[in-house]
């Protein structure tokens, strides 16, 4: 298998792994991801200098440990509530299947593109996950539900879905289709956890960070009212402020010197009724 991280959106995953590797070395770390540094070693990746334009993404970089910890907790809460299926959409270099404690019988599915899957599997080939793990090679902008079902996904079982740092890389139409497909596969009792950035906030960041290789890949923001958006698909949602979560995790001043306002956050949602018709 290849040890080369794909270009484009796939390349952003190694940057996320770098942030997680650094966080894992802190004495006050919010999580421990011992695999993140191995992904870096496999690519020979080196951190950018301060002169590098990527460092202008400080707000995004600082959010990654907060969102990682938040989603770890959301997954644990969903598992405690009875979800025994996890689906990581656009999983990238996520290692939750290996580094988290899971209840017996839980199945975890990782959905991503072929090149990303090949790289990740080459690095983790000798490791054993802490749950039943299935890798689903699929493009989320095409038919991904058929290969997910073929991999053993049970549409009658409550599921927790995670889309971390994903939606900005899809168009509005693709995001709408993705949430509709997730909703159609979600039994009552299912959970959903997303990171969101609305169109206005996305536009501000793109204007401030012109010609940034990462930001240039962003295609769309989520609706201004994610609660109403998800309600239209049958979900009861709550929006969580990253600033408040950072304070709760012992980092109350994390974003004080950075542009940060409404329009960015984390969303959790639950589904109590049946699938939409």
C-alpha atoms as a PDB file:
ATOM      1  CA  UNK A   1       0.000   0.000   0.000  1.00  0.00           C
ATOM      2  CA  UNK A   2       1.012   3.610  -0.593  1.00  0.00           C
ATOM      3  CA  UNK A   3       2.452   5.718   2.213  1.00  0.00           C
ATOM      4  CA  UNK A   4       1.710   8.966   0.377  1.00  0.00           C
ATOM      5  CA  UNK A   5      -1.113  11.167   1.595  1.00  0.00           C
ATOM      6  CA  UNK A   6      -3.382  12.251  -1.260  1.00  0.00           C
ATOM      7  CA  UNK A   7      -3.309  15.792  -2.564  1.00  0.00           C
ATOM      8  CA  UNK A   8      -6.140  18.269  -2.169  1.00  0.00           C
ATOM      9  CA  UNK A   9      -8.612  17.717   0.622  1.00  0.00           C
ATOM     10  CA  UNK A  10      -6.853  14.509   1.631  1.00  0.00           C
ATOM     11  CA  UNK A  11      -3.669  16.428   2.360  1.00  0.00           C
ATOM     12  CA  UNK A  12      -5.440  18.465   5.043  1.00  0.00           C
ATOM     13  CA  UNK A  13      -5.730  15.291   7.136  1.00  0.00           C
ATOM     14  CA  UNK A  14      -2.002  15.252   7.834  1.00  0.00           C
ATOM     15  CA  UNK A  15      -2.221  18.782   9.200  1.00  0.00           C
ATOM     16  CA  UNK A  16      -4.987  17.666  11.558  1.00  0.00           C
ATOM     17  CA  UNK A  17      -2.835  14.701  12.599  1.00  0.00           C
ATOM     18  CA  UNK A  18       0.016  17.120  13.350  1.00  0.00           C
ATOM     19  CA  UNK A  19      -2.203  19.127  15.691  1.00  0.00           C
ATOM     20  CA  UNK A  20      -3.409  15.946  17.411  1.00  0.00           C
ATOM     21  CA  UNK A  21       0.158  14.680  17.763  1.00  0.00           C
ATOM     22  CA  UNK A  22       1.211  17.936  19.417  1.00  0.00           C
ATOM     23  CA  UNK A  23      -1.810  17.929  21.735  1.00  0.00           C
ATOM     24  CA  UNK A  24      -0.959  14.389  22.806  1.00  0.00           C
ATOM     25  CA  UNK A  25       2.418  15.562  24.137  1.00  0.00           C
ATOM     26  CA  UNK A  26       0.934  18.176  26.476  1.00  0.00           C
ATOM     27  CA  UNK A  27       0.733  17.381  30.202  1.00  0.00           C
ATOM     28  CA  UNK A  28      -2.794  18.853  30.163  1.00  0.00           C
ATOM     29  CA  UNK A  29      -3.775  17.101  26.936  1.00  0.00           C
ATOM     30  CA  UNK A  30      -7.465  16.837  26.113  1.00  0.00           C
ATOM     31  CA  UNK A  31      -7.004  13.397  24.545  1.00  0.00           C
ATOM     32  CA  UNK A  32      -4.203  11.001  23.653  1.00  0.00           C
ATOM     33  CA  UNK A  33      -3.751   9.990  20.041  1.00  0.00           C
ATOM     34  CA  UNK A  34      -0.554   7.916  19.893  1.00  0.00           C
ATOM     35  CA  UNK A  35      -1.119   7.133  16.213  1.00  0.00           C
ATOM     36  CA  UNK A  36      -1.042  10.732  14.976  1.00  0.00           C
ATOM     37  CA  UNK A  37       2.761  11.015  15.121  1.00  0.00           C
ATOM     38  CA  UNK A  38       3.076   7.808  13.126  1.00  0.00           C
ATOM     39  CA  UNK A  39       1.090   9.323  10.277  1.00  0.00           C
ATOM     40  CA  UNK A  40       3.489  12.263  10.284  1.00  0.00           C
ATOM     41  CA  UNK A  41       6.510   9.987  10.254  1.00  0.00           C
ATOM     42  CA  UNK A  42       5.087   8.003   7.352  1.00  0.00           C
ATOM     43  CA  UNK A  43       4.933  11.131   5.188  1.00  0.00           C
ATOM     44  CA  UNK A  44       8.040  12.927   6.376  1.00  0.00           C
ATOM     45  CA  UNK A  45       5.831  15.920   7.110  1.00  0.00           C
ATOM     46  CA  UNK A  46       7.457  18.922   8.760  1.00  0.00           C
ATOM     47  CA  UNK A  47       5.571  21.759  10.461  1.00  0.00           C
ATOM     48  CA  UNK A  48       5.271  25.077   8.581  1.00  0.00           C
ATOM     49  CA  UNK A  49       7.375  28.042   9.631  1.00  0.00           C
ATOM     50  CA  UNK A  50       5.759  31.220  10.906  1.00  0.00           C
ATOM     51  CA  UNK A  51       6.374  32.741   7.501  1.00  0.00           C
ATOM     52  CA  UNK A  52       4.255  30.052   5.920  1.00  0.00           C
ATOM     53  CA  UNK A  53       0.729  31.205   5.072  1.00  0.00           C
ATOM     54  CA  UNK A  54      -0.752  28.144   6.712  1.00  0.00           C
ATOM     55  CA  UNK A  55       0.025  29.592  10.133  1.00  0.00           C
ATOM     56  CA  UNK A  56      -2.635  32.202   9.437  1.00  0.00           C
ATOM     57  CA  UNK A  57      -5.125  29.434  10.094  1.00  0.00           C
ATOM     58  CA  UNK A  58      -4.431  29.745  13.829  1.00  0.00           C
ATOM     59  CA  UNK A  59      -8.145  29.792  14.688  1.00  0.00           C
ATOM     60  CA  UNK A  60      -8.732  26.532  12.837  1.00  0.00           C
ATOM     61  CA  UNK A  61      -5.634  24.934  14.363  1.00  0.00           C
ATOM     62  CA  UNK A  62      -6.615  25.895  17.911  1.00  0.00           C
ATOM     63  CA  UNK A  63     -10.121  24.538  17.388  1.00  0.00           C
ATOM     64  CA  UNK A  64      -8.953  21.039  16.419  1.00  0.00           C
ATOM     65  CA  UNK A  65      -8.115  19.791  19.958  1.00  0.00           C
ATOM     66  CA  UNK A  66     -11.373  21.273  21.265  1.00  0.00           C
ATOM     67  CA  UNK A  67     -13.497  19.667  18.575  1.00  0.00           C
ATOM     68  CA  UNK A  68     -11.641  16.357  18.945  1.00  0.00           C
ATOM     69  CA  UNK A  69     -12.345  16.219  22.680  1.00  0.00           C
ATOM     70  CA  UNK A  70     -15.929  17.369  22.146  1.00  0.00           C
ATOM     71  CA  UNK A  71     -16.633  14.665  19.587  1.00  0.00           C
ATOM     72  CA  UNK A  72     -14.934  12.035  21.750  1.00  0.00           C
ATOM     73  CA  UNK A  73     -17.442  12.928  24.466  1.00  0.00           C
ATOM     74  CA  UNK A  74     -20.359  12.978  22.020  1.00  0.00           C
ATOM     75  CA  UNK A  75     -19.453   9.479  20.859  1.00  0.00           C
ATOM     76  CA  UNK A  76     -19.129   8.198  24.414  1.00  0.00           C
ATOM     77  CA  UNK A  77     -22.504   9.722  25.321  1.00  0.00           C
ATOM     78  CA  UNK A  78     -24.151   8.145  22.279  1.00  0.00           C
ATOM     79  CA  UNK A  79     -22.658   4.746  23.073  1.00  0.00           C
ATOM     80  CA  UNK A  80     -23.861   5.078  26.666  1.00  0.00           C
ATOM     81  CA  UNK A  81     -27.322   5.890  25.277  1.00  0.00           C
ATOM     82  CA  UNK A  82     -27.376   2.602  23.387  1.00  0.00           C
ATOM     83  CA  UNK A  83     -25.853   3.335  19.973  1.00  0.00           C
ATOM     84  CA  UNK A  84     -23.844   0.314  18.931  1.00  0.00           C
ATOM     85  CA  UNK A  85     -22.952   1.578  15.462  1.00  0.00           C
ATOM     86  CA  UNK A  86     -20.623   4.458  14.651  1.00  0.00           C
ATOM     87  CA  UNK A  87     -20.133   5.929  11.190  1.00  0.00           C
ATOM     88  CA  UNK A  88     -17.268   8.375  10.616  1.00  0.00           C
ATOM     89  CA  UNK A  89     -18.016  10.269   7.406  1.00  0.00           C
ATOM     90  CA  UNK A  90     -14.858  11.403   5.639  1.00  0.00           C
ATOM     91  CA  UNK A  91     -12.876   9.668   8.374  1.00  0.00           C
ATOM     92  CA  UNK A  92      -9.450  10.867   7.227  1.00  0.00           C
ATOM     93  CA  UNK A  93      -6.818   9.944   9.823  1.00  0.00           C
ATOM     94  CA  UNK A  94      -9.298   9.532  12.666  1.00  0.00           C
ATOM     95  CA  UNK A  95      -8.111   6.796  15.067  1.00  0.00           C
ATOM     96  CA  UNK A  96     -11.049   6.628  17.461  1.00  0.00           C
ATOM     97  CA  UNK A  97     -11.550   2.958  16.581  1.00  0.00           C
ATOM     98  CA  UNK A  98      -8.138   2.296  18.141  1.00  0.00           C
ATOM     99  CA  UNK A  99      -7.702   4.865  20.912  1.00  0.00           C
ATOM    100  CA  UNK A 100     -11.131   5.008  22.594  1.00  0.00           C
ATOM    101  CA  UNK A 101     -12.781   2.574  24.998  1.00  0.00           C
ATOM    102  CA  UNK A 102     -15.847   1.057  23.359  1.00  0.00           C
ATOM    103  CA  UNK A 103     -18.621  -1.126  24.810  1.00  0.00           C
ATOM    104  CA  UNK A 104     -18.788  -4.776  23.709  1.00  0.00           C
ATOM    105  CA  UNK A 105     -20.525  -5.368  20.419  1.00  0.00           C
ATOM    106  CA  UNK A 106     -19.997  -1.915  18.948  1.00  0.00           C
ATOM    107  CA  UNK A 107     -19.331  -1.665  15.206  1.00  0.00           C
ATOM    108  CA  UNK A 108     -17.491   1.295  13.710  1.00  0.00           C
ATOM    109  CA  UNK A 109     -17.488   2.183  10.021  1.00  0.00           C
ATOM    110  CA  UNK A 110     -15.003   4.601   8.428  1.00  0.00           C
ATOM    111  CA  UNK A 111     -16.002   6.063   5.070  1.00  0.00           C
ATOM    112  CA  UNK A 112     -13.398   7.735   2.869  1.00  0.00           C
ATOM    113  CA  UNK A 113     -11.762   7.882  -0.551  1.00  0.00           C
ATOM    114  CA  UNK A 114      -9.449   5.134  -1.858  1.00  0.00           C
ATOM    115  CA  UNK A 115      -6.144   7.016  -1.573  1.00  0.00           C
ATOM    116  CA  UNK A 116      -6.803   8.082   2.014  1.00  0.00           C
ATOM    117  CA  UNK A 117      -7.854   4.581   3.003  1.00  0.00           C
ATOM    118  CA  UNK A 118      -4.740   3.058   1.388  1.00  0.00           C
ATOM    119  CA  UNK A 119      -2.414   5.414   3.246  1.00  0.00           C
ATOM    120  CA  UNK A 120      -4.128   4.979   6.583  1.00  0.00           C
ATOM    121  CA  UNK A 121      -4.301   1.200   6.361  1.00  0.00           C
ATOM    122  CA  UNK A 122      -0.606   0.996   5.475  1.00  0.00           C
ATOM    123  CA  UNK A 123       0.306   2.841   8.689  1.00  0.00           C
ATOM    124  CA  UNK A 124      -2.123   0.929  10.925  1.00  0.00           C
ATOM    125  CA  UNK A 125      -1.632  -2.500   9.357  1.00  0.00           C
ATOM    126  CA  UNK A 126      -0.179  -4.070  12.517  1.00  0.00           C
ATOM    127  CA  UNK A 127      -2.588  -2.456  14.986  1.00  0.00           C
ATOM    128  CA  UNK A 128      -5.728  -3.952  16.495  1.00  0.00           C
ATOM    129  CA  UNK A 129      -8.817  -1.761  16.915  1.00  0.00           C
ATOM    130  CA  UNK A 130     -10.753  -1.629  20.187  1.00  0.00           C
ATOM    131  CA  UNK A 131     -14.024  -2.454  18.418  1.00  0.00           C
ATOM    132  CA  UNK A 132     -15.272  -4.152  15.266  1.00  0.00           C
ATOM    133  CA  UNK A 133     -13.984  -1.819  12.537  1.00  0.00           C
ATOM    134  CA  UNK A 134     -14.971  -1.749   8.872  1.00  0.00           C
ATOM    135  CA  UNK A 135     -13.394   0.501   6.266  1.00  0.00           C
ATOM    136  CA  UNK A 136     -15.742   1.623   3.505  1.00  0.00           C
ATOM    137  CA  UNK A 137     -14.120   2.965   0.351  1.00  0.00           C
ATOM    138  CA  UNK A 138     -16.553   5.459  -1.102  1.00  0.00           C
ATOM    139  CA  UNK A 139     -16.980   9.015  -2.364  1.00  0.00           C
ATOM    140  CA  UNK A 140     -19.505  10.922  -0.246  1.00  0.00           C
ATOM    141  CA  UNK A 141     -20.529  12.948  -3.290  1.00  0.00           C
ATOM    142  CA  UNK A 142     -21.564   9.758  -5.078  1.00  0.00           C
ATOM    143  CA  UNK A 143     -23.258   6.533  -3.921  1.00  0.00           C
ATOM    144  CA  UNK A 144     -21.749   5.755  -0.526  1.00  0.00           C
ATOM    145  CA  UNK A 145     -24.787   4.152   1.121  1.00  0.00           C
ATOM    146  CA  UNK A 146     -24.623   0.999  -1.022  1.00  0.00           C
ATOM    147  CA  UNK A 147     -21.043   0.116   0.009  1.00  0.00           C
ATOM    148  CA  UNK A 148     -21.849   1.037   3.625  1.00  0.00           C
ATOM    149  CA  UNK A 149     -24.773  -1.404   3.665  1.00  0.00           C
ATOM    150  CA  UNK A 150     -22.626  -4.022   1.902  1.00  0.00           C
ATOM    151  CA  UNK A 151     -20.041  -3.662   4.703  1.00  0.00           C
ATOM    152  CA  UNK A 152     -22.618  -4.756   7.262  1.00  0.00           C
ATOM    153  CA  UNK A 153     -24.283  -1.526   8.380  1.00  0.00           C
ATOM    154  CA  UNK A 154     -27.582  -2.302  10.111  1.00  0.00           C
ATOM    155  CA  UNK A 155     -30.168   0.355   9.279  1.00  0.00           C
ATOM    156  CA  UNK A 156     -32.454  -0.890  12.082  1.00  0.00           C
ATOM    157  CA  UNK A 157     -29.875  -0.178  14.806  1.00  0.00           C
ATOM    158  CA  UNK A 158     -29.369   3.224  16.489  1.00  0.00           C
ATOM    159  CA  UNK A 159     -26.261   4.826  15.033  1.00  0.00           C
ATOM    160  CA  UNK A 160     -24.036   7.770  15.884  1.00  0.00           C
ATOM    161  CA  UNK A 161     -22.827   9.650  12.819  1.00  0.00           C
ATOM    162  CA  UNK A 162     -19.832  11.997  12.882  1.00  0.00           C
ATOM    163  CA  UNK A 163     -18.861  14.588  10.258  1.00  0.00           C
ATOM    164  CA  UNK A 164     -15.765  16.325  11.610  1.00  0.00           C
ATOM    165  CA  UNK A 165     -14.281  19.146   9.545  1.00  0.00           C
ATOM    166  CA  UNK A 166     -16.087  17.759   6.514  1.00  0.00           C
ATOM    167  CA  UNK A 167     -19.026  19.897   5.420  1.00  0.00           C
ATOM    168  CA  UNK A 168     -17.000  22.933   4.277  1.00  0.00           C
ATOM    169  CA  UNK A 169     -15.393  20.778   1.588  1.00  0.00           C
ATOM    170  CA  UNK A 170     -18.771  19.942   0.024  1.00  0.00           C
ATOM    171  CA  UNK A 171     -21.200  22.146  -1.885  1.00  0.00           C
ATOM    172  CA  UNK A 172     -24.506  23.162  -0.301  1.00  0.00           C
ATOM    173  CA  UNK A 173     -26.302  20.685  -2.529  1.00  0.00           C
ATOM    174  CA  UNK A 174     -23.930  17.885  -1.538  1.00  0.00           C
ATOM    175  CA  UNK A 175     -24.369  18.675   2.152  1.00  0.00           C
ATOM    176  CA  UNK A 176     -28.122  18.620   1.760  1.00  0.00           C
ATOM    177  CA  UNK A 177     -27.933  15.252   0.019  1.00  0.00           C
ATOM    178  CA  UNK A 178     -25.543  13.889   2.639  1.00  0.00           C
ATOM    179  CA  UNK A 179     -27.791  14.799   5.575  1.00  0.00           C
ATOM    180  CA  UNK A 180     -30.822  13.440   3.720  1.00  0.00           C
ATOM    181  CA  UNK A 181     -29.036  10.126   3.153  1.00  0.00           C
ATOM    182  CA  UNK A 182     -27.847   9.949   6.763  1.00  0.00           C
ATOM    183  CA  UNK A 183     -31.389  10.648   7.941  1.00  0.00           C
ATOM    184  CA  UNK A 184     -32.836   7.957   5.710  1.00  0.00           C
ATOM    185  CA  UNK A 185     -30.467   5.408   7.275  1.00  0.00           C
ATOM    186  CA  UNK A 186     -31.024   6.509  10.876  1.00  0.00           C
ATOM    187  CA  UNK A 187     -33.228   4.438  13.158  1.00  0.00           C
ATOM    188  CA  UNK A 188     -34.923   6.079  16.154  1.00  0.00           C
ATOM    189  CA  UNK A 189     -32.392   6.626  18.924  1.00  0.00           C
ATOM    190  CA  UNK A 190     -29.643   7.638  16.495  1.00  0.00           C
ATOM    191  CA  UNK A 191     -27.249  10.514  17.205  1.00  0.00           C
ATOM    192  CA  UNK A 192     -25.476  12.982  14.943  1.00  0.00           C
ATOM    193  CA  UNK A 193     -22.396  15.134  15.644  1.00  0.00           C
ATOM    194  CA  UNK A 194     -21.128  17.781  13.235  1.00  0.00           C
ATOM    195  CA  UNK A 195     -18.696  20.653  13.039  1.00  0.00           C
ATOM    196  CA  UNK A 196     -20.322  23.610  11.272  1.00  0.00           C
ATOM    197  CA  UNK A 197     -19.307  26.929   9.738  1.00  0.00           C
ATOM    198  CA  UNK A 198     -22.025  29.068   8.209  1.00  0.00           C
ATOM    199  CA  UNK A 199     -21.756  30.806   4.843  1.00  0.00           C
ATOM    200  CA  UNK A 200     -21.198  34.289   6.260  1.00  0.00           C
ATOM    201  CA  UNK A 201     -18.380  33.167   8.545  1.00  0.00           C
ATOM    202  CA  UNK A 202     -16.841  31.079   5.766  1.00  0.00           C
ATOM    203  CA  UNK A 203     -16.885  34.116   3.473  1.00  0.00           C
ATOM    204  CA  UNK A 204     -15.142  36.265   6.080  1.00  0.00           C
ATOM    205  CA  UNK A 205     -12.377  33.715   6.547  1.00  0.00           C
ATOM    206  CA  UNK A 206     -11.870  33.248   2.806  1.00  0.00           C
ATOM    207  CA  UNK A 207     -11.615  37.015   2.327  1.00  0.00           C
ATOM    208  CA  UNK A 208      -9.100  37.352   5.179  1.00  0.00           C
ATOM    209  CA  UNK A 209      -6.996  34.380   4.032  1.00  0.00           C
ATOM    210  CA  UNK A 210      -6.807  34.958   0.288  1.00  0.00           C
ATOM    211  CA  UNK A 211      -4.811  32.385  -1.676  1.00  0.00           C
ATOM    212  CA  UNK A 212      -4.574  30.000   1.270  1.00  0.00           C
ATOM    213  CA  UNK A 213      -4.228  26.441  -0.001  1.00  0.00           C
ATOM    214  CA  UNK A 214      -6.583  24.999   2.603  1.00  0.00           C
ATOM    215  CA  UNK A 215      -9.223  27.700   2.647  1.00  0.00           C
ATOM    216  CA  UNK A 216      -9.334  27.698  -1.152  1.00  0.00           C
ATOM    217  CA  UNK A 217     -10.685  24.133  -0.922  1.00  0.00           C
ATOM    218  CA  UNK A 218     -13.704  25.229   1.142  1.00  0.00           C
ATOM    219  CA  UNK A 219     -16.836  25.151  -0.979  1.00  0.00           C
ATOM    220  CA  UNK A 220     -19.786  26.092   1.202  1.00  0.00           C
ATOM    221  CA  UNK A 221     -21.030  26.952   4.650  1.00  0.00           C
ATOM    222  CA  UNK A 222     -23.881  25.328   6.514  1.00  0.00           C
ATOM    223  CA  UNK A 223     -27.226  27.127   6.945  1.00  0.00           C
ATOM    224  CA  UNK A 224     -27.306  29.995   9.441  1.00  0.00           C
ATOM    225  CA  UNK A 225     -29.750  28.051  11.615  1.00  0.00           C
ATOM    226  CA  UNK A 226     -28.432  24.480  11.908  1.00  0.00           C
ATOM    227  CA  UNK A 227     -31.174  23.619  14.403  1.00  0.00           C
ATOM    228  CA  UNK A 228     -33.906  24.402  11.860  1.00  0.00           C
ATOM    229  CA  UNK A 229     -31.904  22.764   9.085  1.00  0.00           C
ATOM    230  CA  UNK A 230     -31.591  19.474  10.949  1.00  0.00           C
ATOM    231  CA  UNK A 231     -35.180  19.680  12.208  1.00  0.00           C
ATOM    232  CA  UNK A 232     -36.298  19.631   8.574  1.00  0.00           C
ATOM    233  CA  UNK A 233     -34.601  16.227   8.364  1.00  0.00           C
ATOM    234  CA  UNK A 234     -36.152  14.901  11.574  1.00  0.00           C
ATOM    235  CA  UNK A 235     -33.405  15.714  14.100  1.00  0.00           C
ATOM    236  CA  UNK A 236     -33.526  17.582  17.412  1.00  0.00           C
ATOM    237  CA  UNK A 237     -30.287  19.551  17.512  1.00  0.00           C
ATOM    238  CA  UNK A 238     -28.216  21.611  19.942  1.00  0.00           C
ATOM    239  CA  UNK A 239     -25.441  24.042  18.977  1.00  0.00           C
ATOM    240  CA  UNK A 240     -22.307  24.219  21.159  1.00  0.00           C
ATOM    241  CA  UNK A 241     -19.921  27.193  21.177  1.00  0.00           C
ATOM    242  CA  UNK A 242     -16.208  26.277  20.816  1.00  0.00           C
ATOM    243  CA  UNK A 243     -15.250  29.156  23.113  1.00  0.00           C
ATOM    244  CA  UNK A 244     -17.489  27.784  25.856  1.00  0.00           C
ATOM    245  CA  UNK A 245     -16.222  24.260  25.318  1.00  0.00           C
ATOM    246  CA  UNK A 246     -12.608  25.457  25.466  1.00  0.00           C
ATOM    247  CA  UNK A 247     -13.333  27.110  28.819  1.00  0.00           C
ATOM    248  CA  UNK A 248     -14.972  23.938  30.092  1.00  0.00           C
ATOM    249  CA  UNK A 249     -11.837  22.011  29.107  1.00  0.00           C
ATOM    250  CA  UNK A 250      -9.574  24.354  31.061  1.00  0.00           C
ATOM    251  CA  UNK A 251      -8.554  26.706  28.233  1.00  0.00           C
ATOM    252  CA  UNK A 252     -10.776  29.766  28.789  1.00  0.00           C
ATOM    253  CA  UNK A 253      -8.580  32.265  26.918  1.00  0.00           C
ATOM    254  CA  UNK A 254      -7.770  30.113  23.913  1.00  0.00           C
ATOM    255  CA  UNK A 255      -9.403  32.317  21.278  1.00  0.00           C
ATOM    256  CA  UNK A 256      -9.035  35.732  22.950  1.00  0.00           C
ATOM    257  CA  UNK A 257      -6.622  37.188  20.388  1.00  0.00           C
ATOM    258  CA  UNK A 258      -8.199  35.651  17.304  1.00  0.00           C
ATOM    259  CA  UNK A 259     -11.216  36.605  15.191  1.00  0.00           C
ATOM    260  CA  UNK A 260     -13.963  34.390  16.501  1.00  0.00           C
ATOM    261  CA  UNK A 261     -17.679  34.948  16.495  1.00  0.00           C
ATOM    262  CA  UNK A 262     -21.061  33.428  15.705  1.00  0.00           C
ATOM    263  CA  UNK A 263     -21.393  31.092  12.778  1.00  0.00           C
ATOM    264  CA  UNK A 264     -18.889  28.462  13.857  1.00  0.00           C
ATOM    265  CA  UNK A 265     -19.576  25.647  16.258  1.00  0.00           C
ATOM    266  CA  UNK A 266     -20.325  22.047  17.056  1.00  0.00           C
ATOM    267  CA  UNK A 267     -23.739  20.475  16.689  1.00  0.00           C
ATOM    268  CA  UNK A 268     -25.187  17.381  18.303  1.00  0.00           C
ATOM    269  CA  UNK A 269     -28.576  15.968  17.417  1.00  0.00           C
ATOM    270  CA  UNK A 270     -30.814  13.028  18.242  1.00  0.00           C
ATOM    271  CA  UNK A 271     -33.520  11.257  16.318  1.00  0.00           C
ATOM    272  CA  UNK A 272     -36.589  10.002  18.156  1.00  0.00           C
ATOM    273  CA  UNK A 273     -39.086   9.362  15.386  1.00  0.00           C
ATOM    274  CA  UNK A 274     -38.925   7.138  12.347  1.00  0.00           C
ATOM    275  CA  UNK A 275     -37.260   7.852   9.047  1.00  0.00           C
ATOM    276  CA  UNK A 276     -38.665  10.551   6.750  1.00  0.00           C
ATOM    277  CA  UNK A 277     -40.907   9.400   3.904  1.00  0.00           C
END
